[in-house]
Amino acid sequence: MKKFVLVLFAAMAISAFAADSTVTGYLVDLACASEEGGEAGFGAKHTKGCLQMPECVNSGYGVLTDDKKIIKFDKASNAKAKQFIADLKKTKEIKVNVTGTVTGDNIAVSKIELL
């Protein structure tokens, strides 16, 4: 019985740390963000066309926060971002709320919403 209680407690503790978080910022590709992400206004100027360029798609996606931090998407999240971008009507200033499980500077995305 004690073992069961310890396992249950450990599972609850792990799930508490794995709760979804929401990150707000501009949707960017990692190729451009690594080169230009620190420049003033980069996120707002970054375009849908750039996000769809083969080099940019292959680099992966992330969110550039207001404090210039880049939260990178995992592989499955990159596929979600690619579909989100394809369906997007807006061509620039792609500010989003991204909800998912954050681990360090990475996120496993459950939802992307345009602001």
Protein backbone atom coordinates (compact mmCIF):
# COMPACT_ATOMS: atom_id res chain seq x y z
CA MET A 1 0.00 0.00 0.00
CA LYS A 2 2.81 2.41 0.85
CA LYS A 3 4.38 1.77 -2.54
CA PHE A 4 1.09 2.58 -4.29
CA VAL A 5 0.74 5.86 -2.39
CA LEU A 6 4.32 6.85 -3.28
CA VAL A 7 3.77 6.06 -6.97
CA LEU A 8 0.50 8.00 -6.95
CA PHE A 9 2.17 10.98 -5.26
CA ALA A 10 5.04 10.94 -7.77
CA ALA A 11 2.60 10.82 -10.71
CA MET A 12 0.66 13.78 -9.33
CA ALA A 13 3.85 15.78 -8.78
CA ILE A 14 5.04 15.13 -12.35
CA SER A 15 1.67 16.06 -13.84
CA ALA A 16 1.66 19.32 -11.86
CA PHE A 17 4.93 20.33 -13.53
CA ALA A 18 3.67 19.32 -16.99
CA ALA A 19 0.70 21.70 -16.95
CA ASP A 20 0.02 23.68 -20.10
CA SER A 21 1.32 27.22 -20.31
CA THR A 22 0.54 30.01 -22.76
CA VAL A 23 3.34 31.91 -24.49
CA THR A 24 2.58 35.16 -26.35
CA GLY A 25 4.73 36.53 -29.14
CA TYR A 26 5.35 36.53 -32.87
CA LEU A 27 5.37 33.31 -34.87
CA VAL A 28 8.81 33.03 -36.46
CA ASP A 29 10.98 30.48 -38.21
CA LEU A 30 14.22 29.58 -36.47
CA ALA A 31 16.46 30.39 -39.47
CA CYS A 32 15.41 34.03 -39.59
CA ALA A 33 14.99 34.42 -35.85
CA SER A 34 18.52 33.22 -35.16
CA GLU A 35 19.91 35.85 -37.55
CA GLU A 36 17.53 38.77 -37.07
CA GLY A 37 15.47 38.02 -33.95
CA GLY A 38 17.25 40.62 -31.85
CA GLU A 39 16.53 43.47 -34.26
CA ALA A 40 13.86 45.98 -33.30
CA GLY A 41 10.50 45.19 -34.90
CA PHE A 42 11.63 41.90 -36.43
CA GLY A 43 8.64 39.89 -35.18
CA ALA A 44 6.06 42.34 -36.52
CA LYS A 45 7.80 42.60 -39.90
CA HIS A 46 8.25 38.84 -40.36
CA THR A 47 5.87 37.67 -43.11
CA LYS A 48 3.75 34.66 -43.94
CA GLY A 49 5.68 34.35 -47.22
CA CYS A 50 8.96 34.01 -45.37
CA LEU A 51 7.48 31.45 -42.95
CA GLN A 52 6.57 29.32 -45.99
CA MET A 53 9.97 29.41 -47.73
CA PRO A 54 11.56 25.92 -47.84
CA GLU A 55 14.66 26.92 -45.83
CA CYS A 56 12.47 28.53 -43.19
CA VAL A 57 10.04 25.60 -43.00
CA ASN A 58 12.97 23.18 -42.62
CA SER A 59 14.50 25.22 -39.78
CA GLY A 60 11.38 24.82 -37.63
CA TYR A 61 9.21 27.36 -35.87
CA GLY A 62 8.96 29.13 -32.57
CA VAL A 63 7.57 32.11 -30.72
CA LEU A 64 9.61 35.30 -30.35
CA THR A 65 8.54 36.86 -27.07
CA ASP A 66 8.58 40.58 -26.26
CA ASP A 67 11.82 40.09 -24.30
CA LYS A 68 13.47 38.61 -27.46
CA LYS A 69 13.46 35.03 -26.16
CA ILE A 70 12.73 32.28 -28.71
CA ILE A 71 10.60 29.36 -27.52
CA LYS A 72 11.18 26.56 -30.07
CA PHE A 73 8.50 24.14 -31.23
CA ASP A 74 9.06 20.39 -31.13
CA LYS A 75 8.71 18.31 -34.33
CA ALA A 76 4.97 17.62 -33.96
CA SER A 77 4.37 21.29 -33.16
CA ASN A 78 6.19 22.36 -36.33
CA ALA A 79 3.60 20.40 -38.34
CA LYS A 80 0.80 22.21 -36.47
CA ALA A 81 2.47 25.56 -37.15
CA LYS A 82 2.87 24.75 -40.85
CA GLN A 83 -0.88 24.06 -41.12
CA PHE A 84 -1.72 27.18 -39.07
CA ILE A 85 0.40 29.29 -41.43
CA ALA A 86 -1.18 27.72 -44.54
CA ASP A 87 -4.67 28.61 -43.24
CA LEU A 88 -3.64 32.12 -42.17
CA LYS A 89 -5.23 35.11 -43.93
CA LYS A 90 -2.86 37.65 -42.36
CA THR A 91 0.47 38.22 -44.14
CA LYS A 92 2.51 40.01 -41.43
CA GLU A 93 2.39 40.96 -37.75
CA ILE A 94 1.56 37.35 -36.89
CA LYS A 95 1.24 37.69 -33.12
CA VAL A 96 -0.01 34.54 -31.42
CA ASN A 97 -0.85 32.86 -28.16
CA VAL A 98 0.70 29.40 -28.13
CA THR A 99 -0.53 26.95 -25.51
CA GLY A 100 1.39 23.80 -24.65
CA THR A 101 3.86 22.13 -22.36
CA VAL A 102 7.00 24.24 -21.92
CA THR A 103 10.28 22.53 -21.11
CA GLY A 104 13.18 24.97 -20.90
CA ASP A 105 13.21 26.89 -24.21
CA ASN A 106 10.98 24.36 -26.00
CA ILE A 107 7.24 23.86 -26.26
CA ALA A 108 5.03 20.95 -27.24
CA VAL A 109 2.13 22.88 -28.76
CA SER A 110 -1.49 21.99 -28.12
CA LYS A 111 -3.00 25.18 -29.61
CA ILE A 112 -1.98 28.22 -31.68
CA GLU A 113 -4.28 31.25 -31.72
CA LEU A 114 -3.89 34.49 -33.65
CA LEU A 115 -4.17 37.63 -31.53
